[in-house]
Amino acid sequence: MDSYEAFDKYLDFAEEYDELGQPRRAQKPRPAAKQKKKPAPALTDFDDDATTWVPSYAASLDPLHHERAWLIESVAPFYRDNVITDVTRRVKGGKEANVYCCTAHPAAGVELIAAKLYRPRMLRTLKNDALYKSGRDLRNEEGKLIKGRREKLALVQKSRFGQHLDMVWWINNEYSVQRTLFEAGADVPRPIGHNGNTILMDYVGDAGQAAPLLSDVSLDREEAAVLFDVIMDNIRLMLEHHFVHGDLSAFNILYWEEEIYIIDFPQVVNARVNPNARMLLQRDVTRICDYFARFKVKSNPAQITHTLWEPYMGDL
């Protein structure tokens, strides 16, 4: 099964459930026309050669649970490639993606790995996506530019194939940006690999607890001031590589053992080509300043934005 076929099956399966995994209510058929009853997707269609391995978290679910087949299909390639050995629990659920804690294969060099699985309907939750796409090249799973008429038409018509290309675009962008930033020394989880709708990265936390979001943490004034500077340094480092996060806030920064880890990069924009980049930068900076203001950290978002932007993008 290739990635598009798997994605197509995810879409079929998602017709039966909403974004939070609840069965959709059956709608009454219109009197003027007979509706054909759509058969439920066969779970065996998802399994393929993954049937020989069921992670412990999936095994704990009802065989007909919507999450079971989706999880098995998404993470099986990493099991076969000796990257992970098990999926033990879900640590975060959302409308766009779920994050799971995985035990790593000894060859991976770490004990735990986080697997971020994007939902097939994640694109529905991305508002004003043209704001982030402006000026960006569309690339396929191999990283090659998409130039074909079929692909462009599918994107315009928002067909299933077009939705698949769109999802690939967002996920590839997240992985490549996170890898670039990690190699540059930014405070982000180390990306390990990606396949289809799944991204693997270092797990932040321990076996008993995942790192909380910064939004859920109470800081003293001294530590808050230090972390504020660290986050601004990371924003500067992103700009040095022509990136603006585009959706930065305390809700996508992890806090663990007095350190922060910035996450969630699908909406990163290239400041060299996206005309909305400076506006998005100021929005990111303002959100961070507003969060730290509750801990008595004083700041001027407009001045900080100007100071950050000018050295790297002032001539644009």
Protein backbone atom coordinates (compact mmCIF):
# COMPACT_ATOMS: atom_id res chain seq x y z
CA MET A 1 0.00 0.00 0.00
CA ASP A 2 1.51 3.36 -1.00
CA SER A 3 1.05 6.56 0.96
CA TYR A 4 -1.78 7.86 -1.21
CA GLU A 5 -3.74 4.61 -0.91
CA ALA A 6 -3.28 4.71 2.85
CA PHE A 7 -4.42 8.32 2.96
CA ASP A 8 -7.47 7.45 0.84
CA LYS A 9 -8.37 4.74 3.33
CA TYR A 10 -7.95 7.19 6.20
CA LEU A 11 -10.45 9.50 4.51
CA ASP A 12 -12.96 6.69 4.09
CA PHE A 13 -12.51 5.70 7.70
CA ALA A 14 -12.82 9.28 8.92
CA GLU A 15 -16.27 9.54 7.34
CA GLU A 16 -17.47 7.36 10.21
CA TYR A 17 -15.97 9.53 12.99
CA ASP A 18 -15.54 13.20 13.82
CA GLU A 19 -12.16 14.86 14.54
CA LEU A 20 -12.32 13.86 18.21
CA GLY A 21 -13.00 10.21 17.44
CA GLN A 22 -16.73 10.18 18.19
CA PRO A 23 -19.06 8.31 15.82
CA ARG A 24 -20.88 10.70 13.55
CA ARG A 25 -24.62 10.90 13.91
CA ALA A 26 -26.55 9.26 11.13
CA GLN A 27 -28.43 11.79 9.04
CA LYS A 28 -31.96 11.18 7.83
CA PRO A 29 -32.10 10.51 4.08
CA ARG A 30 -33.75 13.09 1.92
CA PRO A 31 -37.26 12.05 0.85
CA ALA A 32 -36.63 12.91 -2.79
CA ALA A 33 -33.70 10.58 -3.28
CA LYS A 34 -32.53 7.25 -2.00
CA GLN A 35 -29.18 7.23 -0.32
CA LYS A 36 -26.88 4.36 -0.89
CA LYS A 37 -25.63 2.90 2.34
CA LYS A 38 -21.87 3.09 2.44
CA PRO A 39 -20.29 -0.11 3.75
CA ALA A 40 -18.07 0.23 6.79
CA PRO A 41 -14.37 0.07 5.90
CA ALA A 42 -12.79 -3.30 6.60
CA LEU A 43 -10.10 -3.02 9.22
CA THR A 44 -8.08 -5.69 7.44
CA ASP A 45 -7.59 -3.22 4.59
CA PHE A 46 -5.44 -1.16 6.95
CA ASP A 47 -3.44 -4.00 8.38
CA ASP A 48 -1.51 -5.43 5.40
CA ASP A 49 1.80 -6.80 6.68
CA ALA A 50 1.35 -4.95 10.00
CA THR A 51 -1.03 -7.66 11.20
CA THR A 52 1.89 -9.52 12.75
CA TRP A 53 2.55 -6.58 15.07
CA VAL A 54 0.03 -4.73 17.19
CA PRO A 55 1.44 -2.13 19.60
CA SER A 56 0.31 -2.49 23.18
CA TYR A 57 -1.69 0.74 23.11
CA ALA A 58 -3.62 -0.42 20.04
CA ALA A 59 -4.11 -3.86 21.59
CA SER A 60 -5.85 -2.21 24.53
CA LEU A 61 -8.47 -0.69 22.22
CA ASP A 62 -11.61 -2.37 20.97
CA PRO A 63 -10.90 -4.05 17.59
CA LEU A 64 -13.48 -1.76 15.98
CA HIS A 65 -12.16 1.42 17.61
CA HIS A 66 -11.36 4.03 14.97
CA GLU A 67 -7.93 4.78 16.44
CA ARG A 68 -6.64 1.21 16.37
CA ALA A 69 -6.30 0.66 12.62
CA TRP A 70 -5.12 4.21 11.97
CA LEU A 71 -2.38 3.87 14.58
CA ILE A 72 -1.19 0.46 13.37
CA GLU A 73 -0.96 1.57 9.74
CA SER A 74 0.79 4.83 10.61
CA VAL A 75 3.56 3.48 12.86
CA ALA A 76 4.13 0.03 11.33
CA PRO A 77 6.86 1.25 8.90
CA PHE A 78 8.94 2.48 11.84
CA TYR A 79 8.55 -0.86 13.61
CA ARG A 80 9.66 -2.73 10.49
CA ASP A 81 12.66 -0.39 10.16
CA ASN A 82 13.75 -1.06 13.78
CA VAL A 83 13.14 2.48 14.96
CA ILE A 84 10.43 1.74 17.54
CA THR A 85 9.43 -1.45 19.33
CA ASP A 86 6.09 -0.47 20.88
CA VAL A 87 3.52 2.29 21.35
CA THR A 88 2.60 2.50 25.02
CA ARG A 89 0.13 5.36 25.35
CA ARG A 90 -1.34 8.48 23.82
CA VAL A 91 0.11 11.60 25.45
CA LYS A 92 -1.76 14.28 23.52
CA GLY A 93 -4.92 14.31 21.43
CA GLY A 94 -6.16 17.09 19.20
CA LYS A 95 -8.18 17.95 16.12
CA GLU A 96 -5.10 18.03 13.89
CA ALA A 97 -2.96 15.25 15.34
CA ASN A 98 -2.37 12.80 18.16
CA VAL A 99 0.99 12.29 19.85
CA TYR A 100 1.99 8.87 21.22
CA CYS A 101 4.80 7.67 23.45
CA CYS A 102 6.84 4.90 21.82
CA THR A 103 9.61 2.72 23.17
CA ALA A 104 12.63 3.01 20.94
CA HIS A 105 14.61 0.20 19.35
CA PRO A 106 18.04 -0.17 21.00
CA ALA A 107 19.65 0.99 17.76
CA ALA A 108 17.85 4.34 18.02
CA GLY A 109 20.11 5.50 20.87
CA VAL A 110 17.25 6.79 23.03
CA GLU A 111 14.70 5.10 25.28
CA LEU A 112 11.52 6.91 24.21
CA ILE A 113 10.31 8.45 20.96
CA ALA A 114 7.29 10.66 20.30
CA ALA A 115 5.16 9.82 17.26
CA LYS A 116 2.98 12.62 15.92
CA LEU A 117 0.18 11.26 13.75
CA TYR A 118 -1.73 13.77 11.67
CA ARG A 119 -5.42 13.13 11.24
CA PRO A 120 -6.68 12.74 7.66
CA ARG A 121 -8.97 15.73 8.10
CA MET A 122 -6.32 17.94 9.69
CA LEU A 123 -6.56 20.38 6.78
CA ARG A 124 -10.09 21.29 7.81
CA THR A 125 -8.78 22.81 11.04
CA LEU A 126 -6.13 24.96 9.37
CA LYS A 127 -7.72 28.37 8.94
CA ASN A 128 -6.50 30.87 6.32
CA ASP A 129 -3.87 28.44 5.05
CA ALA A 130 -3.17 30.74 2.07
CA LEU A 131 -1.60 33.10 4.62
CA TYR A 132 1.16 30.54 5.20
CA LYS A 133 1.43 29.11 1.69
CA SER A 134 2.14 32.41 -0.02
CA GLY A 135 5.46 32.25 -1.87
CA ARG A 136 6.18 28.66 -0.90
CA ASP A 137 6.98 25.88 -3.37
CA LEU A 138 4.76 22.81 -3.35
CA ARG A 139 6.75 19.60 -3.09
CA ASN A 140 5.88 15.89 -3.06
CA GLU A 141 6.99 13.18 -0.64
CA GLU A 142 10.39 12.93 -2.35
CA GLY A 143 10.93 16.66 -1.93
CA LYS A 144 10.61 17.35 -5.67
CA LEU A 145 8.70 20.33 -7.00
CA ILE A 146 5.17 19.52 -8.13
CA LYS A 147 4.74 20.80 -11.68
CA GLY A 148 2.27 18.37 -13.26
CA ARG A 149 -1.10 19.55 -14.54
CA ARG A 150 -2.87 16.66 -12.78
CA GLU A 151 -1.45 17.63 -9.41
CA LYS A 152 -2.25 21.32 -9.82
CA LEU A 153 -5.80 20.56 -10.94
CA ALA A 154 -6.30 18.18 -8.00
CA LEU A 155 -5.21 20.90 -5.58
CA VAL A 156 -7.59 23.44 -7.09
CA GLN A 157 -10.51 21.01 -7.09
CA LYS A 158 -9.65 19.74 -3.60
CA SER A 159 -10.08 16.13 -4.69
CA ARG A 160 -8.86 13.31 -2.46
CA PHE A 161 -5.61 13.25 -4.37
CA GLY A 162 -5.38 17.01 -3.96
CA GLN A 163 -6.01 16.69 -0.23
CA HIS A 164 -3.25 14.10 -0.07
CA LEU A 165 -0.82 16.46 -1.80
CA ASP A 166 -1.84 19.25 0.55
CA MET A 167 -1.27 17.09 3.62
CA VAL A 168 2.13 15.99 2.29
CA TRP A 169 3.02 19.65 1.81
CA TRP A 170 2.25 20.55 5.42
CA ILE A 171 3.98 17.51 6.96
CA ASN A 172 7.10 17.78 4.80
CA ASN A 173 7.37 21.44 5.75
CA GLU A 174 7.15 20.66 9.46
CA TYR A 175 9.77 17.93 9.33
CA SER A 176 12.29 19.81 7.17
CA VAL A 177 12.01 23.00 9.24
CA GLN A 178 12.38 21.15 12.52
CA ARG A 179 15.43 19.29 11.23
CA THR A 180 17.07 22.52 10.03
CA LEU A 181 16.41 24.26 13.33
CA PHE A 182 17.67 21.35 15.43
CA GLU A 183 20.90 21.21 13.44
CA ALA A 184 21.25 24.97 13.91
CA GLY A 185 21.07 24.58 17.70
CA ALA A 186 17.49 25.69 18.33
CA ASP A 187 15.58 24.39 21.34
CA VAL A 188 13.38 21.91 19.47
CA PRO A 189 12.96 18.14 19.82
CA ARG A 190 15.34 16.22 17.58
CA PRO A 191 13.41 14.98 14.52
CA ILE A 192 14.04 11.29 13.83
CA GLY A 193 12.07 10.46 10.71
CA HIS A 194 8.76 10.80 8.90
CA ASN A 195 6.58 8.59 6.75
CA GLY A 196 3.14 9.34 5.34
CA ASN A 197 1.11 11.13 8.01
CA THR A 198 3.61 10.48 10.85
CA ILE A 199 6.62 12.35 12.24
CA LEU A 200 8.95 10.82 14.84
CA MET A 201 10.97 12.97 17.21
CA ASP A 202 12.69 12.81 20.58
CA TYR A 203 10.23 12.39 23.43
CA VAL A 204 10.37 15.20 25.99
CA GLY A 205 9.55 13.93 29.47
CA ASP A 206 10.06 10.58 31.16
CA ALA A 207 8.36 7.20 31.24
CA GLY A 208 5.79 8.44 33.73
CA GLN A 209 5.00 11.89 32.40
CA ALA A 210 5.20 13.84 29.18
CA ALA A 211 6.52 17.37 29.37
CA PRO A 212 3.70 19.84 30.07
CA LEU A 213 2.94 22.80 27.86
CA LEU A 214 4.45 26.07 28.98
CA SER A 215 0.89 27.41 29.21
CA ASP A 216 0.26 24.98 32.07
CA VAL A 217 3.35 25.93 34.08
CA SER A 218 3.66 28.47 36.87
CA LEU A 219 7.02 30.27 36.90
CA ASP A 220 8.71 32.54 39.37
CA ARG A 221 9.73 35.94 38.06
CA GLU A 222 13.44 35.15 37.82
CA GLU A 223 12.96 31.93 35.85
CA ALA A 224 10.33 33.57 33.65
CA ALA A 225 12.78 36.30 32.67
CA VAL A 226 15.41 33.72 31.73
CA LEU A 227 12.99 31.64 29.65
CA PHE A 228 11.65 34.76 27.93
CA ASP A 229 15.15 35.56 26.71
CA VAL A 230 15.68 31.95 25.61
CA ILE A 231 12.51 32.00 23.51
CA MET A 232 13.45 35.33 21.92
CA ASP A 233 16.87 33.89 21.10
CA ASN A 234 15.11 31.00 19.38
CA ILE A 235 12.92 33.38 17.38
CA ARG A 236 16.07 35.23 16.34
CA LEU A 237 17.71 31.95 15.31
CA MET A 238 14.66 31.08 13.22
CA LEU A 239 14.89 34.44 11.45
CA GLU A 240 18.58 33.86 10.85
CA HIS A 241 17.44 30.88 8.77
CA HIS A 242 14.61 32.94 7.24
CA PHE A 243 11.87 31.19 9.23
CA VAL A 244 8.93 32.65 11.14
CA HIS A 245 7.03 30.12 13.25
CA GLY A 246 3.67 31.65 12.40
CA ASP A 247 1.72 30.15 15.30
CA LEU A 248 4.00 30.51 18.29
CA SER A 249 2.53 30.73 21.79
CA ALA A 250 2.83 29.11 25.19
CA PHE A 251 0.55 26.36 23.85
CA ASN A 252 3.23 24.94 21.54
CA ILE A 253 6.24 25.22 23.80
CA LEU A 254 7.09 22.31 26.09
CA TYR A 255 8.64 22.83 29.52
CA TRP A 256 10.83 20.16 31.11
CA GLU A 257 13.44 20.43 33.86
CA GLU A 258 13.69 24.21 33.54
CA GLU A 259 14.19 24.07 29.76
CA ILE A 260 11.85 24.83 26.87
CA TYR A 261 11.27 22.99 23.58
CA ILE A 262 9.42 24.69 20.74
CA ILE A 263 7.13 22.38 18.74
CA ASP A 264 4.56 22.39 15.90
CA PHE A 265 6.15 23.75 12.72
CA PRO A 266 3.79 22.98 9.81
CA GLN A 267 2.79 26.64 9.44
CA VAL A 268 6.33 28.06 9.41
CA VAL A 269 6.77 30.63 6.63
CA ASN A 270 9.82 31.68 4.67
CA ALA A 271 10.38 35.31 5.54
CA ARG A 272 12.20 35.94 2.26
CA VAL A 273 9.17 35.18 0.08
CA ASN A 274 6.04 35.34 2.24
CA PRO A 275 4.60 38.87 2.32
CA ASN A 276 2.84 38.10 5.62
CA ALA A 277 6.04 37.13 7.44
CA ARG A 278 6.56 40.33 9.44
CA MET A 279 2.93 40.42 10.54
CA LEU A 280 3.17 36.77 11.66
CA LEU A 281 6.43 37.51 13.48
CA GLN A 282 4.84 40.35 15.42
CA ARG A 283 1.90 38.13 16.29
CA ASP A 284 4.27 35.44 17.60
CA VAL A 285 6.27 37.94 19.64
CA THR A 286 3.13 39.56 21.04
CA ARG A 287 1.70 36.22 22.19
CA ILE A 288 4.93 35.37 23.99
CA CYS A 289 5.14 38.82 25.58
CA ASP A 290 1.53 38.59 26.74
CA TYR A 291 2.16 35.20 28.34
CA PHE A 292 5.25 36.34 30.25
CA ALA A 293 3.59 39.57 31.35
CA ARG A 294 1.64 37.52 33.89
CA PHE A 295 5.01 36.78 35.55
CA LYS A 296 5.95 40.48 35.60
CA VAL A 297 8.29 40.31 32.61
CA LYS A 298 8.06 43.71 30.93
CA SER A 299 8.47 43.95 27.16
CA ASN A 300 7.55 45.96 24.08
CA PRO A 301 6.36 43.57 21.30
CA ALA A 302 6.56 46.14 18.51
CA GLN A 303 10.11 47.17 19.44
CA ILE A 304 11.24 43.55 19.84
CA THR A 305 9.77 42.67 16.43
CA HIS A 306 11.64 45.56 14.81
CA THR A 307 14.90 44.63 16.53
CA LEU A 308 14.60 41.00 15.47
CA TRP A 309 13.53 41.69 11.90
CA GLU A 310 15.95 44.39 10.79
CA PRO A 311 19.29 42.49 10.91
CA TYR A 312 18.01 39.69 8.67
CA MET A 313 15.07 41.03 6.70
CA GLY A 314 15.45 44.80 6.84
CA ASP A 315 16.28 45.07 3.13
CA LEU A 316 13.16 43.17 2.02
